[in-house]
Amino acid sequence: MKSLSLYLCFLIAIPIAVVMPQQKRNSHFTIARLKYSGGGDWYNDPSMIPNLLHYLGEQSTILPADDEVKVSLLDENLYAHPVLFMTGHGRITFTEREAEQLRNYLLGGGFLYADDDYGMDEFFRKEMTKVFPDKKFVELPFSHPLFSTHFLFLNGLPKIHEHDGGAPKGFALFHESRMIVFYSFNTNISDGWADPDVHGDPPAIREQALQMGSNIIIYALTQ
């Protein structure tokens, strides 16, 4: 089984170079959007990831691609991508083989960011128990480094969309002290990455979403 370890070691050998804008850009990076079965709209808002990649290129020394790549859990090139992203509004289904592949990917050095776009919570949690039946999501405290790795968020995740009342929450799965999955709930961070005319978010909200997205990606690459 291939491992991401060597790739990640190369990518994060000098973490400060990722987050300091004045340093020479020396890495190529894109985000892999996860295609999944079950009926959920894994493909929604196609402008989201290109906009976040562009923002990362402006705000850090990451040299981004212009667009996302799309992968399924059984694709041969899955291990070429250190960060997976998934979102959607509804049902998610992993086969046993897909669950095993995701488990191997994450334990081998990969990272998954999942953003609930309202309605995927119960399905995502259920399918993740197939992947890690012995692990439970833990809610991150505001003091966690993810909230200050590049931009400072003293109160944790920003509220981007009012799907439900209450505060947004960030959950994580860990393996041997390394975060392998981050899950944002009741906020829909990634909607704020989309083009301005998609959801009508004001500039300040979009900026918060892009900053938080940058924190998640940079933390994933440098933890």
N, C-alpha and C. Protein backbone atom coordinates (compact mmCIF):
# COMPACT_ATOMS: atom_id res chain seq x y z
N MET A 1 0.85 -1.20 0.00
CA MET A 1 0.00 0.00 0.00
C MET A 1 0.88 1.25 0.00
N LYS A 2 0.61 2.14 -0.92
CA LYS A 2 1.37 3.37 -0.97
C LYS A 2 1.09 4.19 0.28
N SER A 3 2.04 5.04 0.63
CA SER A 3 1.87 5.93 1.77
C SER A 3 2.12 7.35 1.35
N LEU A 4 1.45 8.29 2.01
CA LEU A 4 1.68 9.70 1.75
C LEU A 4 2.85 10.24 2.56
N SER A 5 3.47 9.42 3.38
CA SER A 5 4.44 9.90 4.34
C SER A 5 5.58 10.66 3.67
N LEU A 6 6.18 10.09 2.63
CA LEU A 6 7.31 10.74 1.99
C LEU A 6 6.89 12.04 1.33
N TYR A 7 5.72 12.02 0.68
CA TYR A 7 5.22 13.24 0.04
C TYR A 7 5.00 14.33 1.06
N LEU A 8 4.38 13.98 2.19
CA LEU A 8 4.09 14.98 3.21
C LEU A 8 5.36 15.47 3.87
N CYS A 9 6.35 14.57 4.08
CA CYS A 9 7.61 14.98 4.67
C CYS A 9 8.26 16.05 3.81
N PHE A 10 8.23 15.86 2.49
CA PHE A 10 8.78 16.85 1.57
C PHE A 10 8.02 18.16 1.66
N LEU A 11 6.69 18.05 1.70
CA LEU A 11 5.85 19.24 1.65
C LEU A 11 5.95 20.06 2.91
N ILE A 12 6.12 19.42 4.06
CA ILE A 12 6.10 20.16 5.33
C ILE A 12 7.46 20.23 5.98
N ALA A 13 8.51 19.97 5.23
CA ALA A 13 9.85 19.98 5.81
C ALA A 13 10.18 21.33 6.42
N ILE A 14 9.67 22.43 5.81
CA ILE A 14 9.91 23.76 6.36
C ILE A 14 8.56 24.43 6.52
N PRO A 15 7.82 24.12 7.59
CA PRO A 15 6.46 24.62 7.73
C PRO A 15 6.35 26.13 7.63
N ILE A 16 7.36 26.87 8.17
CA ILE A 16 7.23 28.33 8.17
C ILE A 16 7.19 28.88 6.76
N ALA A 17 7.78 28.15 5.80
CA ALA A 17 7.75 28.61 4.41
C ALA A 17 6.36 28.55 3.81
N VAL A 18 5.49 27.75 4.41
CA VAL A 18 4.12 27.66 3.92
C VAL A 18 3.31 28.87 4.34
N VAL A 19 3.62 29.41 5.52
CA VAL A 19 2.74 30.43 6.08
C VAL A 19 3.32 31.83 6.04
N MET A 20 4.55 31.99 5.61
CA MET A 20 5.14 33.32 5.54
C MET A 20 5.11 33.83 4.10
N PRO A 21 4.31 34.85 3.79
CA PRO A 21 4.14 35.29 2.41
C PRO A 21 5.43 35.73 1.73
N GLN A 22 6.42 36.26 2.50
CA GLN A 22 7.62 36.80 1.86
C GLN A 22 8.59 35.71 1.43
N GLN A 23 8.38 34.47 1.84
CA GLN A 23 9.28 33.40 1.46
C GLN A 23 9.06 32.99 0.01
N LYS A 24 10.07 32.38 -0.56
CA LYS A 24 9.97 31.91 -1.94
C LYS A 24 8.94 30.79 -2.04
N ARG A 25 8.09 30.85 -3.02
CA ARG A 25 7.09 29.81 -3.24
C ARG A 25 7.79 28.58 -3.80
N ASN A 26 7.57 27.43 -3.17
CA ASN A 26 8.32 26.26 -3.60
C ASN A 26 7.52 24.97 -3.54
N SER A 27 6.20 25.07 -3.53
CA SER A 27 5.41 23.86 -3.47
C SER A 27 4.22 23.97 -4.42
N HIS A 28 3.82 22.84 -4.95
CA HIS A 28 2.65 22.78 -5.81
C HIS A 28 1.56 22.03 -5.06
N PHE A 29 0.36 22.51 -5.12
CA PHE A 29 -0.68 21.94 -4.28
C PHE A 29 -2.05 22.12 -4.91
N THR A 30 -2.88 21.10 -4.76
CA THR A 30 -4.30 21.26 -5.05
C THR A 30 -5.10 20.45 -4.03
N ILE A 31 -6.39 20.66 -4.04
CA ILE A 31 -7.31 19.98 -3.12
C ILE A 31 -8.10 18.98 -3.93
N ALA A 32 -8.22 17.78 -3.42
CA ALA A 32 -8.97 16.73 -4.11
C ALA A 32 -10.39 16.67 -3.55
N ARG A 33 -11.37 16.91 -4.41
CA ARG A 33 -12.76 16.80 -3.98
C ARG A 33 -13.20 15.35 -4.09
N LEU A 34 -13.79 14.83 -3.00
CA LEU A 34 -14.16 13.43 -2.95
C LEU A 34 -15.51 13.17 -3.59
N LYS A 35 -15.51 12.30 -4.58
CA LYS A 35 -16.75 11.81 -5.19
C LYS A 35 -17.25 10.62 -4.38
N TYR A 36 -18.50 10.63 -3.99
CA TYR A 36 -19.04 9.54 -3.20
C TYR A 36 -20.43 9.16 -3.72
N SER A 37 -20.88 7.98 -3.36
CA SER A 37 -22.20 7.49 -3.77
C SER A 37 -23.23 7.78 -2.70
N GLY A 38 -24.50 7.54 -3.02
CA GLY A 38 -25.57 7.70 -2.05
C GLY A 38 -26.61 8.72 -2.43
N GLY A 39 -26.27 9.62 -3.34
CA GLY A 39 -27.24 10.61 -3.77
C GLY A 39 -26.94 12.02 -3.34
N GLY A 40 -25.99 12.23 -2.43
CA GLY A 40 -25.63 13.58 -2.03
C GLY A 40 -24.90 14.31 -3.13
N ASP A 41 -25.06 15.63 -3.15
CA ASP A 41 -24.47 16.43 -4.23
C ASP A 41 -23.02 16.80 -3.90
N TRP A 42 -22.14 15.82 -4.02
CA TRP A 42 -20.72 16.01 -3.72
C TRP A 42 -20.08 17.08 -4.58
N TYR A 43 -20.68 17.40 -5.71
CA TYR A 43 -20.12 18.26 -6.75
C TYR A 43 -20.55 19.71 -6.62
N ASN A 44 -21.32 20.07 -5.60
CA ASN A 44 -21.96 21.39 -5.62
C ASN A 44 -20.96 22.54 -5.54
N ASP A 45 -21.39 23.70 -6.00
CA ASP A 45 -20.60 24.94 -5.98
C ASP A 45 -19.19 24.73 -6.55
N PRO A 46 -19.07 24.55 -7.85
CA PRO A 46 -17.75 24.27 -8.43
C PRO A 46 -16.74 25.40 -8.30
N SER A 47 -17.19 26.61 -7.97
CA SER A 47 -16.23 27.72 -7.82
C SER A 47 -15.54 27.73 -6.45
N MET A 48 -16.00 26.90 -5.53
CA MET A 48 -15.49 26.95 -4.16
C MET A 48 -13.99 26.72 -4.08
N ILE A 49 -13.54 25.57 -4.54
CA ILE A 49 -12.15 25.20 -4.35
C ILE A 49 -11.20 26.06 -5.18
N PRO A 50 -11.52 26.35 -6.46
CA PRO A 50 -10.64 27.28 -7.18
C PRO A 50 -10.45 28.61 -6.46
N ASN A 51 -11.52 29.13 -5.86
CA ASN A 51 -11.40 30.40 -5.14
C ASN A 51 -10.53 30.26 -3.90
N LEU A 52 -10.67 29.15 -3.17
CA LEU A 52 -9.83 28.95 -2.00
C LEU A 52 -8.37 28.77 -2.41
N LEU A 53 -8.12 28.02 -3.47
CA LEU A 53 -6.75 27.85 -3.95
C LEU A 53 -6.14 29.19 -4.34
N HIS A 54 -6.90 30.01 -5.02
CA HIS A 54 -6.42 31.34 -5.39
C HIS A 54 -6.08 32.16 -4.15
N TYR A 55 -6.94 32.08 -3.15
CA TYR A 55 -6.72 32.83 -1.90
C TYR A 55 -5.46 32.33 -1.20
N LEU A 56 -5.28 31.03 -1.16
CA LEU A 56 -4.06 30.46 -0.56
C LEU A 56 -2.82 30.96 -1.29
N GLY A 57 -2.91 31.07 -2.60
CA GLY A 57 -1.78 31.58 -3.37
C GLY A 57 -1.45 33.02 -3.03
N GLU A 58 -2.46 33.81 -2.68
CA GLU A 58 -2.24 35.21 -2.32
C GLU A 58 -1.75 35.37 -0.90
N GLN A 59 -2.19 34.50 0.00
CA GLN A 59 -1.98 34.70 1.43
C GLN A 59 -0.88 33.83 2.04
N SER A 60 -0.31 32.93 1.26
CA SER A 60 0.75 32.06 1.78
C SER A 60 1.74 31.78 0.67
N THR A 61 2.74 30.99 0.96
CA THR A 61 3.71 30.62 -0.06
C THR A 61 3.35 29.33 -0.77
N ILE A 62 2.18 28.80 -0.52
CA ILE A 62 1.69 27.66 -1.28
C ILE A 62 1.49 28.09 -2.74
N LEU A 63 2.02 27.33 -3.65
CA LEU A 63 1.80 27.58 -5.07
C LEU A 63 0.67 26.67 -5.53
N PRO A 64 -0.54 27.20 -5.68
CA PRO A 64 -1.69 26.34 -5.94
C PRO A 64 -1.93 26.09 -7.42
N ALA A 65 -2.62 25.00 -7.69
CA ALA A 65 -3.17 24.77 -9.02
C ALA A 65 -4.35 25.71 -9.22
N ASP A 66 -4.84 25.79 -10.44
CA ASP A 66 -5.97 26.65 -10.73
C ASP A 66 -7.30 26.02 -10.34
N ASP A 67 -7.33 24.69 -10.23
CA ASP A 67 -8.60 24.02 -10.00
C ASP A 67 -8.40 22.80 -9.12
N GLU A 68 -9.50 22.30 -8.60
CA GLU A 68 -9.51 21.06 -7.85
C GLU A 68 -9.27 19.86 -8.75
N VAL A 69 -8.99 18.72 -8.16
CA VAL A 69 -9.12 17.45 -8.86
C VAL A 69 -10.27 16.70 -8.20
N LYS A 70 -10.87 15.80 -8.92
CA LYS A 70 -11.98 15.01 -8.39
C LYS A 70 -11.53 13.56 -8.32
N VAL A 71 -11.69 12.96 -7.15
CA VAL A 71 -11.25 11.58 -6.98
C VAL A 71 -12.33 10.79 -6.24
N SER A 72 -12.39 9.50 -6.50
CA SER A 72 -13.18 8.59 -5.69
C SER A 72 -12.21 7.82 -4.81
N LEU A 73 -12.74 7.14 -3.82
CA LEU A 73 -11.88 6.43 -2.88
C LEU A 73 -11.16 5.25 -3.52
N LEU A 74 -11.62 4.79 -4.66
CA LEU A 74 -10.99 3.65 -5.32
C LEU A 74 -10.09 4.08 -6.48
N ASP A 75 -9.93 5.38 -6.69
CA ASP A 75 -9.04 5.85 -7.75
C ASP A 75 -7.58 5.55 -7.41
N GLU A 76 -6.82 5.18 -8.43
CA GLU A 76 -5.41 4.85 -8.22
C GLU A 76 -4.61 6.06 -7.75
N ASN A 77 -5.03 7.26 -8.13
CA ASN A 77 -4.25 8.45 -7.78
C ASN A 77 -4.68 9.08 -6.45
N LEU A 78 -5.49 8.40 -5.67
CA LEU A 78 -5.94 8.94 -4.39
C LEU A 78 -4.76 9.38 -3.53
N TYR A 79 -3.72 8.54 -3.49
CA TYR A 79 -2.60 8.79 -2.59
C TYR A 79 -1.69 9.91 -3.08
N ALA A 80 -1.94 10.43 -4.26
CA ALA A 80 -1.16 11.55 -4.76
C ALA A 80 -1.60 12.87 -4.14
N HIS A 81 -2.70 12.85 -3.38
CA HIS A 81 -3.29 14.09 -2.87
C HIS A 81 -3.31 14.06 -1.34
N PRO A 82 -2.61 14.98 -0.68
CA PRO A 82 -2.54 14.95 0.78
C PRO A 82 -3.81 15.41 1.49
N VAL A 83 -4.67 16.16 0.77
CA VAL A 83 -5.89 16.69 1.39
C VAL A 83 -7.10 16.34 0.54
N LEU A 84 -8.09 15.69 1.16
CA LEU A 84 -9.39 15.44 0.55
C LEU A 84 -10.41 16.40 1.14
N PHE A 85 -11.35 16.82 0.30
CA PHE A 85 -12.45 17.67 0.76
C PHE A 85 -13.76 17.04 0.32
N MET A 86 -14.74 17.04 1.22
CA MET A 86 -16.06 16.57 0.84
C MET A 86 -17.14 17.44 1.47
N THR A 87 -18.24 17.58 0.73
CA THR A 87 -19.38 18.33 1.22
C THR A 87 -20.63 17.77 0.57
N GLY A 88 -21.77 18.35 0.85
CA GLY A 88 -23.02 17.89 0.27
C GLY A 88 -24.19 18.15 1.18
N HIS A 89 -25.38 17.90 0.65
CA HIS A 89 -26.62 18.18 1.38
C HIS A 89 -27.34 16.93 1.87
N GLY A 90 -26.86 15.76 1.54
CA GLY A 90 -27.68 14.61 1.88
C GLY A 90 -26.90 13.33 2.08
N ARG A 91 -27.41 12.26 1.50
CA ARG A 91 -26.96 10.91 1.80
C ARG A 91 -25.55 10.64 1.26
N ILE A 92 -24.79 9.92 2.06
CA ILE A 92 -23.44 9.48 1.72
C ILE A 92 -23.38 7.98 1.96
N THR A 93 -22.76 7.26 1.04
CA THR A 93 -22.62 5.82 1.21
C THR A 93 -21.21 5.39 0.83
N PHE A 94 -20.53 4.69 1.75
CA PHE A 94 -19.25 4.07 1.47
C PHE A 94 -19.44 2.56 1.44
N THR A 95 -18.91 1.91 0.41
CA THR A 95 -18.86 0.45 0.45
C THR A 95 -17.79 0.03 1.46
N GLU A 96 -17.77 -1.24 1.80
CA GLU A 96 -16.75 -1.73 2.72
C GLU A 96 -15.36 -1.50 2.15
N ARG A 97 -15.21 -1.71 0.86
CA ARG A 97 -13.91 -1.49 0.23
C ARG A 97 -13.52 -0.02 0.25
N GLU A 98 -14.49 0.87 0.00
CA GLU A 98 -14.20 2.30 0.06
C GLU A 98 -13.84 2.73 1.48
N ALA A 99 -14.55 2.20 2.47
CA ALA A 99 -14.24 2.53 3.86
C ALA A 99 -12.82 2.08 4.21
N GLU A 100 -12.45 0.90 3.75
CA GLU A 100 -11.10 0.40 4.02
C GLU A 100 -10.06 1.28 3.34
N GLN A 101 -10.35 1.70 2.12
CA GLN A 101 -9.40 2.54 1.39
C GLN A 101 -9.24 3.89 2.07
N LEU A 102 -10.35 4.49 2.53
CA LEU A 102 -10.26 5.77 3.24
C LEU A 102 -9.48 5.61 4.53
N ARG A 103 -9.72 4.53 5.24
CA ARG A 103 -8.97 4.28 6.47
C ARG A 103 -7.47 4.18 6.19
N ASN A 104 -7.10 3.43 5.16
CA ASN A 104 -5.68 3.29 4.82
C ASN A 104 -5.07 4.62 4.39
N TYR A 105 -5.84 5.39 3.63
CA TYR A 105 -5.37 6.71 3.19
C TYR A 105 -5.10 7.62 4.39
N LEU A 106 -6.03 7.67 5.33
CA LEU A 106 -5.88 8.55 6.48
C LEU A 106 -4.77 8.10 7.42
N LEU A 107 -4.70 6.81 7.66
CA LEU A 107 -3.64 6.30 8.54
C LEU A 107 -2.27 6.39 7.87
N GLY A 108 -2.26 6.45 6.54
CA GLY A 108 -1.01 6.56 5.81
C GLY A 108 -0.50 7.97 5.65
N GLY A 109 -1.18 8.95 6.23
CA GLY A 109 -0.70 10.32 6.17
C GLY A 109 -1.66 11.31 5.56
N GLY A 110 -2.79 10.85 5.03
CA GLY A 110 -3.75 11.76 4.40
C GLY A 110 -4.62 12.49 5.40
N PHE A 111 -5.36 13.47 4.89
CA PHE A 111 -6.22 14.32 5.72
C PHE A 111 -7.54 14.53 4.98
N LEU A 112 -8.65 14.47 5.70
CA LEU A 112 -9.98 14.72 5.15
C LEU A 112 -10.61 15.90 5.85
N TYR A 113 -11.04 16.89 5.06
CA TYR A 113 -11.88 17.97 5.58
C TYR A 113 -13.29 17.78 5.03
N ALA A 114 -14.25 17.62 5.93
CA ALA A 114 -15.66 17.46 5.57
C ALA A 114 -16.44 18.66 6.09
N ASP A 115 -17.24 19.26 5.21
CA ASP A 115 -18.03 20.43 5.57
C ASP A 115 -19.50 20.12 5.32
N ASP A 116 -20.28 20.10 6.39
CA ASP A 116 -21.71 19.80 6.28
C ASP A 116 -22.43 20.96 5.58
N ASP A 117 -22.93 20.68 4.38
CA ASP A 117 -23.68 21.69 3.64
C ASP A 117 -25.17 21.51 3.91
N TYR A 118 -25.47 21.18 5.14
CA TYR A 118 -26.83 21.01 5.65
C TYR A 118 -27.49 19.73 5.13
N GLY A 119 -27.63 18.79 6.04
CA GLY A 119 -28.33 17.56 5.71
C GLY A 119 -27.46 16.33 5.58
N MET A 120 -26.13 16.50 5.65
CA MET A 120 -25.27 15.33 5.49
C MET A 120 -24.79 14.77 6.82
N ASP A 121 -25.08 15.46 7.92
CA ASP A 121 -24.49 15.11 9.21
C ASP A 121 -24.74 13.66 9.61
N GLU A 122 -25.98 13.21 9.64
CA GLU A 122 -26.26 11.86 10.12
C GLU A 122 -25.63 10.81 9.22
N PHE A 123 -25.60 11.07 7.92
CA PHE A 123 -25.04 10.10 6.98
C PHE A 123 -23.52 10.07 7.07
N PHE A 124 -22.91 11.24 7.19
CA PHE A 124 -21.45 11.30 7.30
C PHE A 124 -20.98 10.58 8.56
N ARG A 125 -21.63 10.87 9.67
CA ARG A 125 -21.21 10.23 10.92
C ARG A 125 -21.38 8.71 10.85
N LYS A 126 -22.47 8.27 10.27
CA LYS A 126 -22.71 6.83 10.15
C LYS A 126 -21.64 6.16 9.30
N GLU A 127 -21.31 6.77 8.16
CA GLU A 127 -20.33 6.16 7.27
C GLU A 127 -18.93 6.20 7.87
N MET A 128 -18.63 7.21 8.67
CA MET A 128 -17.31 7.28 9.29
C MET A 128 -17.13 6.20 10.35
N THR A 129 -18.24 5.68 10.90
CA THR A 129 -18.11 4.55 11.82
C THR A 129 -17.69 3.29 11.08
N LYS A 130 -17.98 3.22 9.78
CA LYS A 130 -17.45 2.11 8.97
C LYS A 130 -15.94 2.23 8.82
N VAL A 131 -15.50 3.46 8.69
CA VAL A 131 -14.08 3.72 8.47
C VAL A 131 -13.29 3.49 9.76
N PHE A 132 -13.79 4.03 10.86
CA PHE A 132 -13.12 3.91 12.15
C PHE A 132 -14.13 3.54 13.23
N PRO A 133 -14.48 2.28 13.34
CA PRO A 133 -15.46 1.89 14.36
C PRO A 133 -14.99 2.12 15.79
N ASP A 134 -13.68 2.28 15.97
CA ASP A 134 -13.13 2.46 17.31
C ASP A 134 -12.79 3.90 17.65
N LYS A 135 -13.12 4.83 16.76
CA LYS A 135 -12.80 6.24 17.02
C LYS A 135 -14.08 7.06 17.12
N LYS A 136 -14.03 8.11 17.93
CA LYS A 136 -15.17 9.01 18.09
C LYS A 136 -14.73 10.44 17.83
N PHE A 137 -15.62 11.21 17.22
CA PHE A 137 -15.34 12.62 17.00
C PHE A 137 -15.26 13.36 18.33
N VAL A 138 -14.29 14.25 18.43
CA VAL A 138 -14.16 15.12 19.60
C VAL A 138 -14.31 16.56 19.13
N GLU A 139 -15.01 17.37 19.92
CA GLU A 139 -15.17 18.78 19.57
C GLU A 139 -13.91 19.54 19.94
N LEU A 140 -13.43 20.36 19.01
CA LEU A 140 -12.20 21.10 19.25
C LEU A 140 -12.46 22.32 20.12
N PRO A 141 -11.61 22.57 21.12
CA PRO A 141 -11.72 23.82 21.89
C PRO A 141 -11.21 24.98 21.06
N PHE A 142 -11.62 26.19 21.42
CA PHE A 142 -11.19 27.37 20.68
C PHE A 142 -9.68 27.56 20.74
N SER A 143 -9.04 26.97 21.73
CA SER A 143 -7.59 27.10 21.89
C SER A 143 -6.80 26.19 20.96
N HIS A 144 -7.49 25.35 20.20
CA HIS A 144 -6.76 24.42 19.33
C HIS A 144 -5.99 25.19 18.26
N PRO A 145 -4.77 24.75 17.91
CA PRO A 145 -3.94 25.47 16.93
C PRO A 145 -4.60 25.66 15.56
N LEU A 146 -5.54 24.82 15.20
CA LEU A 146 -6.21 24.99 13.91
C LEU A 146 -6.84 26.37 13.78
N PHE A 147 -7.27 26.95 14.91
CA PHE A 147 -7.95 28.24 14.88
C PHE A 147 -6.98 29.42 14.92
N SER A 148 -5.69 29.14 14.94
CA SER A 148 -4.72 30.24 14.96
C SER A 148 -3.49 29.94 14.12
N THR A 149 -3.54 28.90 13.30
CA THR A 149 -2.34 28.49 12.58
C THR A 149 -1.87 29.53 11.57
N HIS A 150 -2.77 30.36 11.06
CA HIS A 150 -2.40 31.41 10.10
C HIS A 150 -3.20 32.67 10.36
N PHE A 151 -4.50 32.54 10.42
CA PHE A 151 -5.40 33.63 10.83
C PHE A 151 -5.97 33.29 12.20
N LEU A 152 -6.19 34.32 13.01
CA LEU A 152 -6.64 34.11 14.39
C LEU A 152 -8.16 34.14 14.48
N PHE A 153 -8.74 33.06 15.02
CA PHE A 153 -10.17 32.96 15.28
C PHE A 153 -10.35 32.66 16.77
N LEU A 154 -10.52 33.69 17.57
CA LEU A 154 -10.58 33.53 19.02
C LEU A 154 -11.81 32.74 19.46
N ASN A 155 -12.87 32.78 18.66
CA ASN A 155 -14.12 32.10 19.02
C ASN A 155 -14.39 30.88 18.16
N GLY A 156 -13.34 30.29 17.63
CA GLY A 156 -13.51 29.08 16.83
C GLY A 156 -14.08 29.39 15.46
N LEU A 157 -14.84 28.44 14.93
CA LEU A 157 -15.35 28.57 13.57
C LEU A 157 -16.30 29.77 13.42
N PRO A 158 -16.18 30.52 12.34
CA PRO A 158 -17.16 31.58 12.07
C PRO A 158 -18.46 30.99 11.56
N LYS A 159 -19.55 31.70 11.79
CA LYS A 159 -20.86 31.27 11.29
C LYS A 159 -21.06 31.87 9.90
N ILE A 160 -21.02 31.03 8.88
CA ILE A 160 -21.14 31.51 7.51
C ILE A 160 -22.59 31.51 7.05
N HIS A 161 -23.31 30.40 7.30
CA HIS A 161 -24.73 30.33 6.93
C HIS A 161 -25.57 29.88 8.12
N GLU A 162 -26.73 30.47 8.26
CA GLU A 162 -27.63 30.18 9.37
C GLU A 162 -28.55 29.03 8.99
N HIS A 163 -28.01 27.84 8.85
CA HIS A 163 -28.84 26.68 8.56
C HIS A 163 -29.71 26.31 9.77
N ASP A 164 -29.08 26.27 10.92
CA ASP A 164 -29.78 26.03 12.18
C ASP A 164 -29.28 27.04 13.19
N GLY A 165 -30.07 27.28 14.22
CA GLY A 165 -29.63 28.16 15.28
C GLY A 165 -28.48 27.53 16.04
N GLY A 166 -27.84 28.36 16.84
CA GLY A 166 -26.74 27.86 17.65
C GLY A 166 -25.39 28.09 16.99
N ALA A 167 -24.37 27.84 17.78
CA ALA A 167 -23.01 28.10 17.34
C ALA A 167 -22.49 27.01 16.41
N PRO A 168 -21.59 27.36 15.51
CA PRO A 168 -20.93 26.33 14.70
C PRO A 168 -20.00 25.49 15.56
N LYS A 169 -19.73 24.28 15.11
CA LYS A 169 -18.87 23.38 15.88
C LYS A 169 -17.88 22.70 14.94
N GLY A 170 -16.69 22.51 15.46
CA GLY A 170 -15.66 21.80 14.72
C GLY A 170 -15.30 20.51 15.44
N PHE A 171 -15.35 19.41 14.73
CA PHE A 171 -15.06 18.10 15.30
C PHE A 171 -13.87 17.48 14.58
N ALA A 172 -13.19 16.58 15.26
CA ALA A 172 -12.01 15.96 14.65
C ALA A 172 -11.88 14.51 15.08
N LEU A 173 -11.22 13.75 14.22
CA LEU A 173 -10.73 12.42 14.56
C LEU A 173 -9.22 12.47 14.57
N PHE A 174 -8.62 11.77 15.54
CA PHE A 174 -7.17 11.76 15.68
C PHE A 174 -6.64 10.34 15.61
N HIS A 175 -5.40 10.24 15.14
CA HIS A 175 -4.67 8.97 15.19
C HIS A 175 -3.26 9.27 15.66
N GLU A 176 -2.93 8.71 16.82
CA GLU A 176 -1.60 8.91 17.42
C GLU A 176 -1.26 10.39 17.48
N SER A 177 -2.18 11.18 17.96
CA SER A 177 -2.07 12.63 18.20
C SER A 177 -2.15 13.46 16.92
N ARG A 178 -2.19 12.84 15.75
CA ARG A 178 -2.33 13.60 14.49
C ARG A 178 -3.79 13.67 14.09
N MET A 179 -4.26 14.89 13.75
CA MET A 179 -5.62 15.04 13.25
C MET A 179 -5.69 14.46 11.85
N ILE A 180 -6.62 13.55 11.65
CA ILE A 180 -6.77 12.93 10.33
C ILE A 180 -8.07 13.34 9.64
N VAL A 181 -9.06 13.80 10.42
CA VAL A 181 -10.32 14.27 9.86
C VAL A 181 -10.73 15.53 10.62
N PHE A 182 -11.11 16.57 9.88
CA PHE A 182 -11.75 17.73 10.50
C PHE A 182 -13.13 17.88 9.87
N TYR A 183 -14.12 18.10 10.72
CA TYR A 183 -15.52 18.16 10.28
C TYR A 183 -16.16 19.43 10.84
N SER A 184 -16.59 20.33 9.96
CA SER A 184 -17.26 21.56 10.38
C SER A 184 -18.77 21.39 10.25
N PHE A 185 -19.48 21.76 11.31
CA PHE A 185 -20.92 21.53 11.41
C PHE A 185 -21.62 22.82 11.81
N ASN A 186 -22.80 23.05 11.20
CA ASN A 186 -23.66 24.18 11.53
C ASN A 186 -23.00 25.53 11.20
N THR A 187 -22.31 25.56 10.08
CA THR A 187 -21.69 26.81 9.63
C THR A 187 -21.56 26.86 8.13
N ASN A 188 -21.17 25.75 7.49
CA ASN A 188 -21.00 25.65 6.03
C ASN A 188 -19.94 26.62 5.52
N ILE A 189 -18.72 26.41 6.03
CA ILE A 189 -17.58 27.24 5.66
C ILE A 189 -17.41 27.33 4.15
N SER A 190 -17.52 26.19 3.47
CA SER A 190 -17.17 26.17 2.04
C SER A 190 -18.14 26.97 1.17
N ASP A 191 -19.37 27.19 1.60
CA ASP A 191 -20.28 28.04 0.83
C ASP A 191 -19.70 29.45 0.70
N GLY A 192 -18.97 29.88 1.72
CA GLY A 192 -18.38 31.21 1.68
C GLY A 192 -17.20 31.33 0.74
N TRP A 193 -16.71 30.21 0.21
CA TRP A 193 -15.64 30.27 -0.79
C TRP A 193 -16.19 30.50 -2.19
N ALA A 194 -17.46 30.24 -2.39
CA ALA A 194 -18.04 30.30 -3.74
C ALA A 194 -18.03 31.73 -4.26
N ASP A 195 -18.22 31.85 -5.56
CA ASP A 195 -18.30 33.19 -6.17
C ASP A 195 -19.35 34.03 -5.46
N PRO A 196 -19.14 35.35 -5.38
CA PRO A 196 -20.05 36.22 -4.60
C PRO A 196 -21.51 36.12 -4.99
N ASP A 197 -21.80 35.88 -6.28
CA ASP A 197 -23.20 35.87 -6.71
C ASP A 197 -23.90 34.54 -6.46
N VAL A 198 -23.18 33.53 -5.95
CA VAL A 198 -23.79 32.22 -5.74
C VAL A 198 -24.70 32.23 -4.52
N HIS A 199 -24.20 32.73 -3.41
CA HIS A 199 -24.99 32.74 -2.17
C HIS A 199 -25.28 34.15 -1.66
N GLY A 200 -24.69 35.15 -2.30
CA GLY A 200 -24.94 36.52 -1.90
C GLY A 200 -24.28 36.91 -0.60
N ASP A 201 -23.24 36.21 -0.19
CA ASP A 201 -22.56 36.54 1.06
C ASP A 201 -21.83 37.87 0.94
N PRO A 202 -21.90 38.71 1.97
CA PRO A 202 -21.15 39.97 1.93
C PRO A 202 -19.65 39.71 2.00
N PRO A 203 -18.84 40.66 1.56
CA PRO A 203 -17.39 40.47 1.53
C PRO A 203 -16.78 40.04 2.86
N ALA A 204 -17.27 40.60 3.96
CA ALA A 204 -16.69 40.26 5.26
C ALA A 204 -16.92 38.79 5.60
N ILE A 205 -18.07 38.25 5.26
CA ILE A 205 -18.37 36.84 5.52
C ILE A 205 -17.52 35.95 4.63
N ARG A 206 -17.40 36.30 3.37
CA ARG A 206 -16.57 35.51 2.46
C ARG A 206 -15.12 35.52 2.92
N GLU A 207 -14.65 36.67 3.41
CA GLU A 207 -13.26 36.74 3.90
C GLU A 207 -13.05 35.83 5.09
N GLN A 208 -14.00 35.79 6.01
CA GLN A 208 -13.90 34.89 7.15
C GLN A 208 -13.84 33.43 6.70
N ALA A 209 -14.69 33.10 5.74
CA ALA A 209 -14.73 31.72 5.25
C ALA A 209 -13.41 31.33 4.58
N LEU A 210 -12.87 32.23 3.76
CA LEU A 210 -11.61 31.95 3.08
C LEU A 210 -10.45 31.88 4.06
N GLN A 211 -10.47 32.72 5.07
CA GLN A 211 -9.42 32.66 6.10
C GLN A 211 -9.49 31.36 6.88
N MET A 212 -10.71 30.95 7.24
CA MET A 212 -10.85 29.69 7.99
C MET A 212 -10.46 28.52 7.11
N GLY A 213 -10.86 28.55 5.85
CA GLY A 213 -10.45 27.49 4.93
C GLY A 213 -8.95 27.41 4.81
N SER A 214 -8.29 28.56 4.76
CA SER A 214 -6.83 28.59 4.70
C SER A 214 -6.22 27.97 5.95
N ASN A 215 -6.78 28.32 7.10
CA ASN A 215 -6.28 27.72 8.35
C ASN A 215 -6.36 26.20 8.30
N ILE A 216 -7.49 25.67 7.84
CA ILE A 216 -7.69 24.22 7.81
C ILE A 216 -6.65 23.57 6.92
N ILE A 217 -6.45 24.12 5.72
CA ILE A 217 -5.51 23.53 4.77
C ILE A 217 -4.08 23.64 5.29
N ILE A 218 -3.69 24.81 5.76
CA ILE A 218 -2.33 24.99 6.24
C ILE A 218 -2.07 24.13 7.46
N TYR A 219 -3.05 24.03 8.36
CA TYR A 219 -2.87 23.16 9.52
C TYR A 219 -2.69 21.70 9.06
N ALA A 220 -3.49 21.27 8.11
CA ALA A 220 -3.40 19.89 7.62
C ALA A 220 -2.02 19.59 7.07
N LEU A 221 -1.41 20.56 6.42
CA LEU A 221 -0.12 20.35 5.78
C LEU A 221 1.07 20.51 6.72
N THR A 222 0.86 21.16 7.85
CA THR A 222 1.99 21.48 8.72
C THR A 222 1.91 20.89 10.12
N GLN A 223 0.83 20.19 10.45
CA GLN A 223 0.72 19.65 11.82
C GLN A 223 1.80 18.62 12.10
